[in-house]
């Protein structure tokens, strides 16, 4: 006569209510994960995140003043080319 393995005994001894609770718990966790992924992949959220990152970088004085200098230089070149 064969003696069942310990894992086989655990599977048989599981209560259907416990199995149902585990399924519901897993389903809820999956739903939360999918909601989080959908939120992260939403184009509006991606655009907002990009805007925030750009604003943070432009707030850096090195970048800010470098862009101002480049803009002033381009403006001078345009004005100079107009009056030639």
N, C-alpha and C. Protein backbone atom coordinates (compact mmCIF):
# COMPACT_ATOMS: atom_id res chain seq x y z
N UNK A 1 0.83 -1.17 0.00
CA UNK A 1 0.00 0.00 0.00
C UNK A 1 0.88 1.24 0.00
N UNK A 2 0.53 2.20 -0.83
CA UNK A 2 1.30 3.42 -1.00
C UNK A 2 0.93 4.44 0.06
N UNK A 3 1.95 5.10 0.63
CA UNK A 3 1.73 6.17 1.61
C UNK A 3 1.78 7.49 0.85
N UNK A 4 0.73 8.32 0.99
CA UNK A 4 0.72 9.59 0.25
C UNK A 4 1.82 10.51 0.74
N UNK A 5 2.38 11.26 -0.21
CA UNK A 5 3.41 12.24 0.13
C UNK A 5 2.79 13.36 0.95
N UNK A 6 3.61 14.09 1.66
CA UNK A 6 3.11 15.16 2.54
C UNK A 6 2.38 16.23 1.73
N UNK A 7 2.88 16.56 0.54
CA UNK A 7 2.24 17.59 -0.28
C UNK A 7 0.85 17.14 -0.74
N UNK A 8 0.69 15.86 -1.00
CA UNK A 8 -0.62 15.35 -1.40
C UNK A 8 -1.62 15.45 -0.25
N UNK A 9 -1.17 15.25 0.95
CA UNK A 9 -2.05 15.35 2.11
C UNK A 9 -2.50 16.79 2.29
N UNK A 10 -1.59 17.75 2.09
CA UNK A 10 -1.94 19.16 2.23
C UNK A 10 -2.98 19.58 1.21
N UNK A 11 -2.85 19.10 -0.01
CA UNK A 11 -3.79 19.47 -1.06
C UNK A 11 -5.17 18.92 -0.74
N UNK A 12 -5.26 17.72 -0.29
CA UNK A 12 -6.55 17.10 0.02
C UNK A 12 -7.18 17.76 1.24
N UNK A 13 -6.37 18.16 2.19
CA UNK A 13 -6.88 18.70 3.45
C UNK A 13 -7.33 20.15 3.33
N UNK A 14 -7.09 20.81 2.21
CA UNK A 14 -7.45 22.23 2.07
C UNK A 14 -8.95 22.38 2.02
N UNK A 15 -9.40 23.36 2.71
CA UNK A 15 -10.83 23.67 2.80
C UNK A 15 -11.24 24.49 1.57
N UNK A 16 -12.36 24.19 0.95
CA UNK A 16 -12.82 24.96 -0.22
C UNK A 16 -13.00 26.46 0.11
N UNK A 17 -13.38 26.77 1.32
CA UNK A 17 -13.54 28.19 1.70
C UNK A 17 -12.18 28.88 1.71
N UNK A 18 -11.16 28.19 2.19
CA UNK A 18 -9.81 28.76 2.17
C UNK A 18 -9.32 28.98 0.74
N UNK A 19 -9.61 28.02 -0.09
CA UNK A 19 -9.23 28.15 -1.50
C UNK A 19 -9.94 29.35 -2.12
N UNK A 20 -11.22 29.50 -1.84
CA UNK A 20 -11.98 30.64 -2.38
C UNK A 20 -11.41 31.96 -1.88
N UNK A 21 -11.05 32.03 -0.59
CA UNK A 21 -10.47 33.26 -0.04
C UNK A 21 -9.14 33.58 -0.70
N UNK A 22 -8.33 32.55 -0.94
CA UNK A 22 -7.05 32.77 -1.61
C UNK A 22 -7.25 33.26 -3.04
N UNK A 23 -8.23 32.70 -3.72
CA UNK A 23 -8.54 33.15 -5.09
C UNK A 23 -8.96 34.60 -5.08
N UNK A 24 -9.83 34.98 -4.17
CA UNK A 24 -10.29 36.37 -4.09
C UNK A 24 -9.15 37.31 -3.73
N UNK A 25 -8.29 36.88 -2.82
CA UNK A 25 -7.15 37.70 -2.41
C UNK A 25 -6.21 37.91 -3.60
N UNK A 26 -5.96 36.84 -4.34
CA UNK A 26 -5.10 36.93 -5.52
C UNK A 26 -5.74 37.79 -6.59
N UNK A 27 -7.03 37.66 -6.78
CA UNK A 27 -7.75 38.46 -7.77
C UNK A 27 -7.67 39.94 -7.42
N UNK A 28 -7.85 40.27 -6.13
CA UNK A 28 -7.76 41.66 -5.69
C UNK A 28 -6.35 42.22 -5.90
N UNK A 29 -5.33 41.41 -5.59
CA UNK A 29 -3.95 41.85 -5.79
C UNK A 29 -3.66 42.09 -7.27
N UNK A 30 -4.18 41.21 -8.11
CA UNK A 30 -3.99 41.36 -9.55
C UNK A 30 -4.69 42.61 -10.06
N UNK A 31 -5.90 42.86 -9.57
CA UNK A 31 -6.64 44.05 -9.98
C UNK A 31 -5.89 45.32 -9.57
N UNK A 32 -5.31 45.34 -8.38
CA UNK A 32 -4.54 46.50 -7.94
C UNK A 32 -3.30 46.70 -8.82
N UNK A 33 -2.65 45.60 -9.17
CA UNK A 33 -1.47 45.69 -10.03
C UNK A 33 -1.84 46.22 -11.41
N UNK A 34 -2.93 45.73 -11.95
CA UNK A 34 -3.37 46.20 -13.27
C UNK A 34 -3.77 47.67 -13.24
N UNK A 35 -4.44 48.09 -12.17
CA UNK A 35 -4.81 49.50 -12.03
C UNK A 35 -3.56 50.38 -11.96
N UNK A 36 -2.57 49.93 -11.21
CA UNK A 36 -1.32 50.70 -11.10
C UNK A 36 -0.62 50.79 -12.44
N UNK A 37 -0.58 49.68 -13.18
CA UNK A 37 0.04 49.70 -14.50
C UNK A 37 -0.71 50.61 -15.47
N UNK A 38 -2.03 50.54 -15.43
CA UNK A 38 -2.84 51.40 -16.30
C UNK A 38 -2.62 52.87 -15.97
N UNK A 39 -2.49 53.17 -14.69
CA UNK A 39 -2.26 54.55 -14.27
C UNK A 39 -0.89 55.03 -14.74
N UNK A 40 0.12 54.18 -14.61
CA UNK A 40 1.47 54.56 -15.04
C UNK A 40 1.58 54.69 -16.55
N UNK A 41 0.81 53.91 -17.29
CA UNK A 41 0.89 53.92 -18.75
C UNK A 41 -0.05 54.92 -19.40
N UNK A 42 -0.85 55.61 -18.59
CA UNK A 42 -1.79 56.59 -19.11
C UNK A 42 -1.00 57.73 -19.78
N UNK A 43 -1.28 58.05 -21.05
CA UNK A 43 -0.54 59.10 -21.75
C UNK A 43 -0.59 60.46 -21.03
N UNK A 44 -1.71 60.78 -20.44
CA UNK A 44 -1.79 62.06 -19.73
C UNK A 44 -0.81 62.10 -18.56
N UNK A 45 -0.71 60.99 -17.84
CA UNK A 45 0.22 60.93 -16.71
C UNK A 45 1.66 60.97 -17.19
N UNK A 46 1.94 60.33 -18.32
CA UNK A 46 3.29 60.37 -18.87
C UNK A 46 3.67 61.79 -19.28
N UNK A 47 2.73 62.51 -19.89
CA UNK A 47 2.99 63.89 -20.30
C UNK A 47 3.20 64.77 -19.08
N UNK A 48 2.36 64.61 -18.08
CA UNK A 48 2.51 65.41 -16.86
C UNK A 48 3.85 65.14 -16.19
N UNK A 49 4.24 63.89 -16.15
CA UNK A 49 5.54 63.53 -15.57
C UNK A 49 6.69 64.16 -16.34
N UNK A 50 6.58 64.14 -17.66
CA UNK A 50 7.60 64.76 -18.50
C UNK A 50 7.68 66.26 -18.29
N UNK A 51 6.51 66.90 -18.15
CA UNK A 51 6.49 68.34 -17.88
C UNK A 51 7.15 68.67 -16.55
N UNK A 52 6.85 67.87 -15.55
CA UNK A 52 7.44 68.10 -14.22
C UNK A 52 8.96 67.93 -14.26
N UNK A 53 9.43 66.90 -14.96
CA UNK A 53 10.87 66.70 -15.06
C UNK A 53 11.54 67.84 -15.81
N UNK A 54 10.90 68.31 -16.88
CA UNK A 54 11.45 69.43 -17.65
C UNK A 54 11.49 70.70 -16.80
N UNK A 55 10.43 70.95 -16.05
CA UNK A 55 10.40 72.14 -15.20
C UNK A 55 11.49 72.07 -14.13
N UNK A 56 11.71 70.89 -13.58
CA UNK A 56 12.77 70.74 -12.58
C UNK A 56 14.15 70.99 -13.18
N UNK A 57 14.36 70.49 -14.39
CA UNK A 57 15.66 70.71 -15.03
C UNK A 57 15.85 72.16 -15.42
N UNK A 58 14.80 72.81 -15.88
CA UNK A 58 14.93 74.22 -16.26
C UNK A 58 15.11 75.12 -15.04
N UNK A 59 14.72 74.64 -13.88
CA UNK A 59 14.91 75.42 -12.66
C UNK A 59 16.37 75.42 -12.22
N UNK A 60 17.18 74.50 -12.73
CA UNK A 60 18.60 74.46 -12.41
C UNK A 60 19.26 75.71 -13.02
N UNK A 61 19.93 76.52 -12.19
CA UNK A 61 20.52 77.77 -12.70
C UNK A 61 21.50 77.56 -13.85
N UNK A 62 22.28 76.49 -13.84
CA UNK A 62 23.23 76.25 -14.93
C UNK A 62 22.50 76.12 -16.26
N UNK A 63 21.47 75.35 -16.28
CA UNK A 63 20.71 75.13 -17.52
C UNK A 63 19.93 76.39 -17.88
N UNK A 64 19.31 77.00 -16.90
CA UNK A 64 18.48 78.18 -17.13
C UNK A 64 19.30 79.30 -17.78
N UNK A 65 20.43 79.63 -17.18
CA UNK A 65 21.24 80.74 -17.70
C UNK A 65 21.93 80.37 -19.00
N UNK A 66 22.24 79.11 -19.20
CA UNK A 66 22.82 78.68 -20.48
C UNK A 66 21.81 78.87 -21.60
N UNK A 67 20.56 78.51 -21.34
CA UNK A 67 19.52 78.70 -22.37
C UNK A 67 19.26 80.17 -22.64
N UNK A 68 19.30 80.99 -21.61
CA UNK A 68 19.13 82.44 -21.80
C UNK A 68 20.26 82.98 -22.67
N UNK A 69 21.50 82.54 -22.41
CA UNK A 69 22.65 83.00 -23.20
C UNK A 69 22.52 82.56 -24.66
N UNK A 70 22.11 81.33 -24.88
CA UNK A 70 21.94 80.83 -26.25
C UNK A 70 20.84 81.62 -26.95
N UNK A 71 19.74 81.89 -26.26
CA UNK A 71 18.65 82.68 -26.85
C UNK A 71 19.09 84.08 -27.20
N UNK A 72 19.87 84.70 -26.31
CA UNK A 72 20.37 86.05 -26.58
C UNK A 72 21.31 86.04 -27.78
N UNK A 73 22.16 85.03 -27.86
CA UNK A 73 23.09 84.92 -28.98
C UNK A 73 22.35 84.73 -30.30
N UNK A 74 21.35 83.87 -30.31
CA UNK A 74 20.54 83.66 -31.52
C UNK A 74 19.82 84.96 -31.90
N UNK A 75 19.30 85.67 -30.90
CA UNK A 75 18.64 86.94 -31.17
C UNK A 75 19.59 87.96 -31.78
N UNK A 76 20.81 88.04 -31.25
CA UNK A 76 21.80 88.97 -31.82
C UNK A 76 22.15 88.60 -33.25
N UNK A 77 22.31 87.33 -33.52
CA UNK A 77 22.64 86.89 -34.88
C UNK A 77 21.48 87.24 -35.82
N UNK A 78 20.24 87.07 -35.40
CA UNK A 78 19.10 87.41 -36.25
C UNK A 78 19.02 88.91 -36.51
N UNK A 79 19.19 89.70 -35.47
CA UNK A 79 19.15 91.16 -35.63
C UNK A 79 20.28 91.62 -36.53
N UNK A 80 21.44 91.07 -36.35
CA UNK A 80 22.59 91.45 -37.17
C UNK A 80 22.36 91.08 -38.63
N UNK A 81 21.75 89.88 -38.87
CA UNK A 81 21.53 89.48 -40.26
C UNK A 81 20.44 90.32 -40.92
N UNK A 82 19.52 90.83 -40.13
CA UNK A 82 18.46 91.69 -40.70
C UNK A 82 19.02 93.03 -41.15
N UNK A 83 19.93 93.59 -40.39
CA UNK A 83 20.46 94.90 -40.70
C UNK A 83 21.67 94.88 -41.64
N UNK A 84 22.02 93.77 -42.16
CA UNK A 84 23.11 93.70 -43.14
C UNK A 84 22.61 93.82 -44.52
